[in-house]
Amino acid sequence: MTESNLWLIVPAAGIGQRMQAECPKQYLRIDSRFILDITLSRVLNAAQFAGCMVPLNPTDHWWPTTESSQDERIQTCLGGAERADSVLAALRALAGQAGDDDWVLVHDAARPCVHGEDLSRLIDTLSDHPVGGLLAAPVADTLKKAGPGENPEVQETVDRRPLWRALTPQMFRYSSLVAALEKALEAGLPITDESSAMEFSGTMPVLVEGRPDNIKVTVPADLDLAGFILSRF
């Protein structure tokens, strides 16, 4: 795979309400560095990207203070209300730079623990695939289906064998991802990741097993856990 056909999108327009912090979660710090800086540097330094687009919230005033704002590989654009809106905005901002068949990797801003070996395996596995795919981890816990109510009763134990946790990066062809996101958003479908948009379009992505410690910082307890994981690399 050549440098000219691999692009990175890291949507960073969210406000991370579940963190209950004074700033969006991507601007919280681990060992004095913004999570967003850690994430971008880890991914960009693990593969040869032609460039990177970071969609930002219109009210974002933290970005100019980041290490990443000085990285010539990174461009920014305005993001949207939801993740899918931001990713589509980034794809449109890359129009004229990315070719229709170029690969686009979309990675969560608050997933700083992605491992370089996982990224390489994703790229190598999908390099000749017609659709693309995503890093994912098989579900390890016993799963219970709950009934209604605040303290629900168990309705059944769910077979976990075919179930995987979707991780990022997720990797698809530029034109296919644009078309899938546009179609899904126009239909008002719930798009929680790029894979779900591709699935709605009728093309089934490939699951590429990744490390389960590629966690997403979502609640306050995740911050210390991410710091511990990064200290072990």
C-alpha atoms as a PDB file:
ATOM      1  CA  MET A   1       0.000   0.000   0.000  1.00  0.00           C
ATOM      2  CA  THR A   2       1.400   3.372  -0.996  1.00  0.00           C
ATOM      3  CA  GLU A   3       1.414   6.637   0.894  1.00  0.00           C
ATOM      4  CA  SER A   4      -0.856   8.359  -1.614  1.00  0.00           C
ATOM      5  CA  ASN A   5      -3.937   6.225  -1.010  1.00  0.00           C
ATOM      6  CA  LEU A   6      -4.315   6.038   2.747  1.00  0.00           C
ATOM      7  CA  TRP A   7      -6.162   8.796   4.635  1.00  0.00           C
ATOM      8  CA  LEU A   8      -7.059   9.272   8.300  1.00  0.00           C
ATOM      9  CA  ILE A   9     -10.159  10.927   9.769  1.00  0.00           C
ATOM     10  CA  VAL A  10     -10.389  11.523  13.525  1.00  0.00           C
ATOM     11  CA  PRO A  11     -13.737  13.143  14.405  1.00  0.00           C
ATOM     12  CA  ALA A  12     -13.218  15.493  17.356  1.00  0.00           C
ATOM     13  CA  ALA A  13     -16.381  17.616  17.382  1.00  0.00           C
ATOM     14  CA  GLY A  14     -18.050  15.857  20.320  1.00  0.00           C
ATOM     15  CA  ILE A  15     -18.491  17.408  23.735  1.00  0.00           C
ATOM     16  CA  GLY A  16     -18.298  14.210  25.824  1.00  0.00           C
ATOM     17  CA  GLN A  17     -21.072  14.921  28.319  1.00  0.00           C
ATOM     18  CA  ARG A  18     -20.637  11.614  30.192  1.00  0.00           C
ATOM     19  CA  MET A  19     -17.162  12.677  31.353  1.00  0.00           C
ATOM     20  CA  GLN A  20     -18.694  15.511  33.423  1.00  0.00           C
ATOM     21  CA  ALA A  21     -15.574  17.567  32.728  1.00  0.00           C
ATOM     22  CA  GLU A  22     -14.991  21.245  31.976  1.00  0.00           C
ATOM     23  CA  CYS A  23     -13.736  20.423  28.483  1.00  0.00           C
ATOM     24  CA  PRO A  24     -14.504  17.776  25.840  1.00  0.00           C
ATOM     25  CA  LYS A  25     -12.940  14.410  26.667  1.00  0.00           C
ATOM     26  CA  GLN A  26     -10.454  14.594  23.790  1.00  0.00           C
ATOM     27  CA  TYR A  27      -8.895  17.564  25.579  1.00  0.00           C
ATOM     28  CA  LEU A  28      -8.476  15.852  28.926  1.00  0.00           C
ATOM     29  CA  ARG A  29      -4.870  15.003  29.720  1.00  0.00           C
ATOM     30  CA  ILE A  30      -2.932  11.809  30.311  1.00  0.00           C
ATOM     31  CA  ASP A  31       0.601  12.465  31.590  1.00  0.00           C
ATOM     32  CA  SER A  32       0.260  16.149  30.660  1.00  0.00           C
ATOM     33  CA  ARG A  33      -0.719  15.431  27.022  1.00  0.00           C
ATOM     34  CA  PHE A  34      -4.138  15.909  25.471  1.00  0.00           C
ATOM     35  CA  ILE A  35      -5.856  12.617  24.648  1.00  0.00           C
ATOM     36  CA  LEU A  36      -6.349  13.907  21.105  1.00  0.00           C
ATOM     37  CA  ASP A  37      -2.614  14.507  20.692  1.00  0.00           C
ATOM     38  CA  ILE A  38      -1.811  11.017  21.941  1.00  0.00           C
ATOM     39  CA  THR A  39      -4.366   9.464  19.616  1.00  0.00           C
ATOM     40  CA  LEU A  40      -3.285  11.360  16.516  1.00  0.00           C
ATOM     41  CA  SER A  41       0.417  10.809  17.043  1.00  0.00           C
ATOM     42  CA  ARG A  42       0.029   7.089  17.723  1.00  0.00           C
ATOM     43  CA  VAL A  43      -2.000   6.477  14.567  1.00  0.00           C
ATOM     44  CA  LEU A  44      -0.151   8.821  12.219  1.00  0.00           C
ATOM     45  CA  ASN A  45       3.226   7.421  13.267  1.00  0.00           C
ATOM     46  CA  ALA A  46       2.113   3.806  12.782  1.00  0.00           C
ATOM     47  CA  ALA A  47       1.409   3.948   9.033  1.00  0.00           C
ATOM     48  CA  GLN A  48       2.141   6.018   5.935  1.00  0.00           C
ATOM     49  CA  PHE A  49      -0.846   8.332   5.522  1.00  0.00           C
ATOM     50  CA  ALA A  50      -1.314  10.786   2.679  1.00  0.00           C
ATOM     51  CA  GLY A  51      -2.989  13.121   5.164  1.00  0.00           C
ATOM     52  CA  CYS A  52      -5.407  13.495   8.058  1.00  0.00           C
ATOM     53  CA  MET A  53      -8.636  15.460   8.529  1.00  0.00           C
ATOM     54  CA  VAL A  54      -9.921  16.376  12.002  1.00  0.00           C
ATOM     55  CA  PRO A  55     -13.499  17.734  12.186  1.00  0.00           C
ATOM     56  CA  LEU A  56     -13.851  20.171  15.095  1.00  0.00           C
ATOM     57  CA  ASN A  57     -16.757  21.696  16.972  1.00  0.00           C
ATOM     58  CA  PRO A  58     -17.473  25.296  15.880  1.00  0.00           C
ATOM     59  CA  THR A  59     -16.951  26.424  19.502  1.00  0.00           C
ATOM     60  CA  ASP A  60     -13.622  24.584  19.925  1.00  0.00           C
ATOM     61  CA  HIS A  61     -10.955  26.877  21.365  1.00  0.00           C
ATOM     62  CA  TRP A  62      -8.583  24.151  22.579  1.00  0.00           C
ATOM     63  CA  TRP A  63      -7.288  22.949  19.188  1.00  0.00           C
ATOM     64  CA  PRO A  64      -4.799  25.827  18.651  1.00  0.00           C
ATOM     65  CA  THR A  65      -3.059  24.812  21.906  1.00  0.00           C
ATOM     66  CA  THR A  66      -2.477  21.206  20.849  1.00  0.00           C
ATOM     67  CA  GLU A  67       0.706  19.600  19.530  1.00  0.00           C
ATOM     68  CA  SER A  68      -1.346  18.321  16.592  1.00  0.00           C
ATOM     69  CA  SER A  69      -2.227  21.818  15.385  1.00  0.00           C
ATOM     70  CA  GLN A  70       1.443  22.185  14.400  1.00  0.00           C
ATOM     71  CA  ASP A  71       1.550  18.899  12.459  1.00  0.00           C
ATOM     72  CA  GLU A  72       1.643  19.598   8.730  1.00  0.00           C
ATOM     73  CA  ARG A  73       0.000  16.245   7.990  1.00  0.00           C
ATOM     74  CA  ILE A  74      -3.219  17.336   9.712  1.00  0.00           C
ATOM     75  CA  GLN A  75      -6.016  19.515   8.313  1.00  0.00           C
ATOM     76  CA  THR A  76      -9.195  20.559  10.106  1.00  0.00           C
ATOM     77  CA  CYS A  77     -12.781  21.254   9.110  1.00  0.00           C
ATOM     78  CA  LEU A  78     -16.058  22.008  10.885  1.00  0.00           C
ATOM     79  CA  GLY A  79     -17.779  18.947  12.272  1.00  0.00           C
ATOM     80  CA  GLY A  80     -21.475  18.244  12.645  1.00  0.00           C
ATOM     81  CA  ALA A  81     -23.993  17.491  15.357  1.00  0.00           C
ATOM     82  CA  GLU A  82     -23.400  13.731  15.303  1.00  0.00           C
ATOM     83  CA  ARG A  83     -20.383  11.545  14.576  1.00  0.00           C
ATOM     84  CA  ALA A  84     -21.696  10.548  11.139  1.00  0.00           C
ATOM     85  CA  ASP A  85     -22.194  14.224  10.227  1.00  0.00           C
ATOM     86  CA  SER A  86     -18.612  14.989  11.229  1.00  0.00           C
ATOM     87  CA  VAL A  87     -17.161  12.075   9.289  1.00  0.00           C
ATOM     88  CA  LEU A  88     -19.129  13.048   6.199  1.00  0.00           C
ATOM     89  CA  ALA A  89     -17.955  16.656   6.579  1.00  0.00           C
ATOM     90  CA  ALA A  90     -14.365  15.428   6.740  1.00  0.00           C
ATOM     91  CA  LEU A  91     -14.838  13.259   3.662  1.00  0.00           C
ATOM     92  CA  ARG A  92     -16.265  16.199   1.747  1.00  0.00           C
ATOM     93  CA  ALA A  93     -13.362  18.361   2.901  1.00  0.00           C
ATOM     94  CA  LEU A  94     -11.008  15.764   1.372  1.00  0.00           C
ATOM     95  CA  ALA A  95     -12.758  15.943  -2.008  1.00  0.00           C
ATOM     96  CA  GLY A  96     -10.176  16.756  -4.659  1.00  0.00           C
ATOM     97  CA  GLN A  97      -7.409  15.267  -2.526  1.00  0.00           C
ATOM     98  CA  ALA A  98      -8.589  11.692  -1.969  1.00  0.00           C
ATOM     99  CA  GLY A  99      -9.352   9.464  -4.931  1.00  0.00           C
ATOM    100  CA  ASP A 100     -12.531   7.389  -5.186  1.00  0.00           C
ATOM    101  CA  ASP A 101     -10.666   4.146  -4.456  1.00  0.00           C
ATOM    102  CA  ASP A 102      -8.398   5.535  -1.753  1.00  0.00           C
ATOM    103  CA  TRP A 103      -8.720   3.985   1.674  1.00  0.00           C
ATOM    104  CA  VAL A 104     -10.041   6.074   4.549  1.00  0.00           C
ATOM    105  CA  LEU A 105      -9.442   5.041   8.153  1.00  0.00           C
ATOM    106  CA  VAL A 106     -11.776   6.596  10.736  1.00  0.00           C
ATOM    107  CA  HIS A 107     -10.571   6.464  14.338  1.00  0.00           C
ATOM    108  CA  ASP A 108     -12.160   7.700  17.561  1.00  0.00           C
ATOM    109  CA  ALA A 109     -10.427  10.746  19.059  1.00  0.00           C
ATOM    110  CA  ALA A 110     -10.842   9.252  22.545  1.00  0.00           C
ATOM    111  CA  ARG A 111      -9.168   5.909  21.703  1.00  0.00           C
ATOM    112  CA  PRO A 112      -5.530   6.685  22.498  1.00  0.00           C
ATOM    113  CA  CYS A 113      -4.593   3.055  23.255  1.00  0.00           C
ATOM    114  CA  VAL A 114      -4.741   1.707  19.708  1.00  0.00           C
ATOM    115  CA  HIS A 115      -1.712  -0.500  19.041  1.00  0.00           C
ATOM    116  CA  GLY A 116       0.457  -0.143  15.964  1.00  0.00           C
ATOM    117  CA  GLU A 117       0.422  -3.886  15.309  1.00  0.00           C
ATOM    118  CA  ASP A 118      -3.384  -3.853  15.162  1.00  0.00           C
ATOM    119  CA  LEU A 119      -3.311  -0.958  12.730  1.00  0.00           C
ATOM    120  CA  SER A 120      -0.837  -2.768  10.482  1.00  0.00           C
ATOM    121  CA  ARG A 121      -2.892  -5.964  10.573  1.00  0.00           C
ATOM    122  CA  LEU A 122      -6.064  -4.049   9.657  1.00  0.00           C
ATOM    123  CA  ILE A 123      -4.395  -2.378   6.677  1.00  0.00           C
ATOM    124  CA  ASP A 124      -2.697  -5.559   5.463  1.00  0.00           C
ATOM    125  CA  THR A 125      -5.829  -7.695   5.840  1.00  0.00           C
ATOM    126  CA  LEU A 126      -8.071  -5.282   3.949  1.00  0.00           C
ATOM    127  CA  SER A 127      -5.672  -3.980   1.291  1.00  0.00           C
ATOM    128  CA  ASP A 128      -7.295  -6.039  -1.487  1.00  0.00           C
ATOM    129  CA  HIS A 129     -10.776  -6.438   0.008  1.00  0.00           C
ATOM    130  CA  PRO A 130     -13.706  -5.066  -2.028  1.00  0.00           C
ATOM    131  CA  VAL A 131     -15.537  -3.567   0.975  1.00  0.00           C
ATOM    132  CA  GLY A 132     -13.251  -2.947   3.949  1.00  0.00           C
ATOM    133  CA  GLY A 133     -13.736  -3.596   7.625  1.00  0.00           C
ATOM    134  CA  LEU A 134     -12.923  -2.686  11.190  1.00  0.00           C
ATOM    135  CA  LEU A 135     -10.963  -3.666  14.246  1.00  0.00           C
ATOM    136  CA  ALA A 136     -13.144  -5.578  16.670  1.00  0.00           C
ATOM    137  CA  ALA A 137     -12.825  -7.784  19.755  1.00  0.00           C
ATOM    138  CA  PRO A 138     -14.836 -10.913  20.560  1.00  0.00           C
ATOM    139  CA  VAL A 139     -17.155 -10.407  23.531  1.00  0.00           C
ATOM    140  CA  ALA A 140     -15.666 -12.134  26.589  1.00  0.00           C
ATOM    141  CA  ASP A 141     -18.320 -11.468  29.253  1.00  0.00           C
ATOM    142  CA  THR A 142     -21.496 -13.431  29.836  1.00  0.00           C
ATOM    143  CA  LEU A 143     -24.340 -11.349  28.422  1.00  0.00           C
ATOM    144  CA  LYS A 144     -27.816 -10.990  29.945  1.00  0.00           C
ATOM    145  CA  LYS A 145     -30.923  -9.672  28.222  1.00  0.00           C
ATOM    146  CA  ALA A 146     -32.791  -7.470  30.681  1.00  0.00           C
ATOM    147  CA  GLY A 147     -36.476  -6.819  31.176  1.00  0.00           C
ATOM    148  CA  PRO A 148     -37.999  -3.374  31.793  1.00  0.00           C
ATOM    149  CA  GLY A 149     -37.571  -1.250  34.879  1.00  0.00           C
ATOM    150  CA  GLU A 150     -34.848   0.346  36.984  1.00  0.00           C
ATOM    151  CA  ASN A 151     -33.692  -2.969  38.484  1.00  0.00           C
ATOM    152  CA  PRO A 152     -34.742  -5.359  35.722  1.00  0.00           C
ATOM    153  CA  GLU A 153     -34.958  -9.104  35.931  1.00  0.00           C
ATOM    154  CA  VAL A 154     -32.929 -11.279  33.587  1.00  0.00           C
ATOM    155  CA  GLN A 155     -34.958 -12.417  30.597  1.00  0.00           C
ATOM    156  CA  GLU A 156     -32.305 -14.692  29.140  1.00  0.00           C
ATOM    157  CA  THR A 157     -28.582 -15.326  28.818  1.00  0.00           C
ATOM    158  CA  VAL A 158     -27.456 -14.367  25.317  1.00  0.00           C
ATOM    159  CA  ASP A 159     -25.086 -16.551  23.305  1.00  0.00           C
ATOM    160  CA  ARG A 160     -21.907 -14.453  23.095  1.00  0.00           C
ATOM    161  CA  ARG A 161     -20.079 -16.616  20.549  1.00  0.00           C
ATOM    162  CA  PRO A 162     -21.096 -14.626  17.433  1.00  0.00           C
ATOM    163  CA  LEU A 163     -20.855 -11.212  19.159  1.00  0.00           C
ATOM    164  CA  TRP A 164     -17.962  -8.768  18.775  1.00  0.00           C
ATOM    165  CA  ARG A 165     -17.276  -5.277  20.170  1.00  0.00           C
ATOM    166  CA  ALA A 166     -16.724  -2.770  17.388  1.00  0.00           C
ATOM    167  CA  LEU A 167     -13.469  -0.831  17.766  1.00  0.00           C
ATOM    168  CA  THR A 168     -11.657   1.665  15.559  1.00  0.00           C
ATOM    169  CA  PRO A 169     -10.017   2.351  13.177  1.00  0.00           C
ATOM    170  CA  GLN A 170     -12.631   1.383  10.596  1.00  0.00           C
ATOM    171  CA  MET A 171     -11.374   1.291   7.010  1.00  0.00           C
ATOM    172  CA  PHE A 172     -13.355   1.773   3.794  1.00  0.00           C
ATOM    173  CA  ARG A 173     -12.953   3.123   0.258  1.00  0.00           C
ATOM    174  CA  TYR A 174     -13.475   6.885  -0.024  1.00  0.00           C
ATOM    175  CA  SER A 175     -16.347   6.935  -2.529  1.00  0.00           C
ATOM    176  CA  SER A 176     -18.134   3.950  -0.978  1.00  0.00           C
ATOM    177  CA  LEU A 177     -18.062   5.500   2.492  1.00  0.00           C
ATOM    178  CA  VAL A 178     -19.316   8.863   1.226  1.00  0.00           C
ATOM    179  CA  ALA A 179     -22.230   7.180  -0.590  1.00  0.00           C
ATOM    180  CA  ALA A 180     -23.102   4.962   2.391  1.00  0.00           C
ATOM    181  CA  LEU A 181     -23.124   7.837   4.878  1.00  0.00           C
ATOM    182  CA  GLU A 182     -25.149  10.109   2.612  1.00  0.00           C
ATOM    183  CA  LYS A 183     -27.737   7.391   1.981  1.00  0.00           C
ATOM    184  CA  ALA A 184     -28.049   6.453   5.654  1.00  0.00           C
ATOM    185  CA  LEU A 185     -28.327  10.052   6.879  1.00  0.00           C
ATOM    186  CA  GLU A 186     -30.924  10.897   4.234  1.00  0.00           C
ATOM    187  CA  ALA A 187     -32.960   7.897   5.389  1.00  0.00           C
ATOM    188  CA  GLY A 188     -32.693   8.973   9.033  1.00  0.00           C
ATOM    189  CA  LEU A 189     -31.028   5.705  10.036  1.00  0.00           C
ATOM    190  CA  PRO A 190     -29.157   5.422  13.355  1.00  0.00           C
ATOM    191  CA  ILE A 191     -25.470   5.523  12.416  1.00  0.00           C
ATOM    192  CA  THR A 192     -23.211   4.812  15.379  1.00  0.00           C
ATOM    193  CA  ASP A 193     -20.125   3.957  13.331  1.00  0.00           C
ATOM    194  CA  GLU A 194     -18.964   3.776   9.727  1.00  0.00           C
ATOM    195  CA  SER A 195     -19.512   0.033   9.577  1.00  0.00           C
ATOM    196  CA  SER A 196     -23.216   0.450  10.328  1.00  0.00           C
ATOM    197  CA  ALA A 197     -23.539   2.842   7.374  1.00  0.00           C
ATOM    198  CA  MET A 198     -21.842   0.328   5.099  1.00  0.00           C
ATOM    199  CA  GLU A 199     -24.103  -2.441   6.430  1.00  0.00           C
ATOM    200  CA  PHE A 200     -27.212  -0.368   5.672  1.00  0.00           C
ATOM    201  CA  SER A 201     -25.932   0.046   2.107  1.00  0.00           C
ATOM    202  CA  GLY A 202     -25.874  -3.726   1.717  1.00  0.00           C
ATOM    203  CA  THR A 203     -22.102  -4.287   1.865  1.00  0.00           C
ATOM    204  CA  MET A 204     -20.800  -6.346   4.774  1.00  0.00           C
ATOM    205  CA  PRO A 205     -17.505  -5.267   6.364  1.00  0.00           C
ATOM    206  CA  VAL A 206     -14.861  -7.686   7.650  1.00  0.00           C
ATOM    207  CA  LEU A 207     -14.075  -8.031  11.352  1.00  0.00           C
ATOM    208  CA  VAL A 208     -10.329  -7.916  12.039  1.00  0.00           C
ATOM    209  CA  GLU A 209      -9.498  -8.981  15.576  1.00  0.00           C
ATOM    210  CA  GLY A 210      -7.831  -6.265  17.638  1.00  0.00           C
ATOM    211  CA  ARG A 211      -6.591  -5.944  21.185  1.00  0.00           C
ATOM    212  CA  PRO A 212      -9.393  -5.561  23.757  1.00  0.00           C
ATOM    213  CA  ASP A 213      -7.429  -2.831  25.547  1.00  0.00           C
ATOM    214  CA  ASN A 214      -8.093  -0.450  22.633  1.00  0.00           C
ATOM    215  CA  ILE A 215     -10.570   1.285  24.929  1.00  0.00           C
ATOM    216  CA  LYS A 216     -12.598   4.422  24.352  1.00  0.00           C
ATOM    217  CA  VAL A 217     -12.404   7.042  27.110  1.00  0.00           C
ATOM    218  CA  THR A 218     -16.078   7.643  27.877  1.00  0.00           C
ATOM    219  CA  VAL A 219     -16.541   7.947  31.655  1.00  0.00           C
ATOM    220  CA  PRO A 220     -14.131   9.347  34.302  1.00  0.00           C
ATOM    221  CA  ALA A 221     -12.847   5.908  35.365  1.00  0.00           C
ATOM    222  CA  ASP A 222     -11.622   5.284  31.819  1.00  0.00           C
ATOM    223  CA  LEU A 223      -9.037   8.048  32.097  1.00  0.00           C
ATOM    224  CA  ASP A 224      -6.909   6.260  34.701  1.00  0.00           C
ATOM    225  CA  LEU A 225      -7.332   2.950  32.873  1.00  0.00           C
ATOM    226  CA  ALA A 226      -6.142   4.473  29.599  1.00  0.00           C
ATOM    227  CA  GLY A 227      -3.144   5.973  31.383  1.00  0.00           C
ATOM    228  CA  PHE A 228      -2.253   2.572  32.822  1.00  0.00           C
ATOM    229  CA  ILE A 229      -2.595   0.841  29.438  1.00  0.00           C
ATOM    230  CA  LEU A 230      -0.398   3.446  27.737  1.00  0.00           C
ATOM    231  CA  SER A 231       2.247   3.044  30.438  1.00  0.00           C
ATOM    232  CA  ARG A 232       2.536  -0.660  29.558  1.00  0.00           C
ATOM    233  CA  PHE A 233       3.253  -0.169  25.843  1.00  0.00           C
END
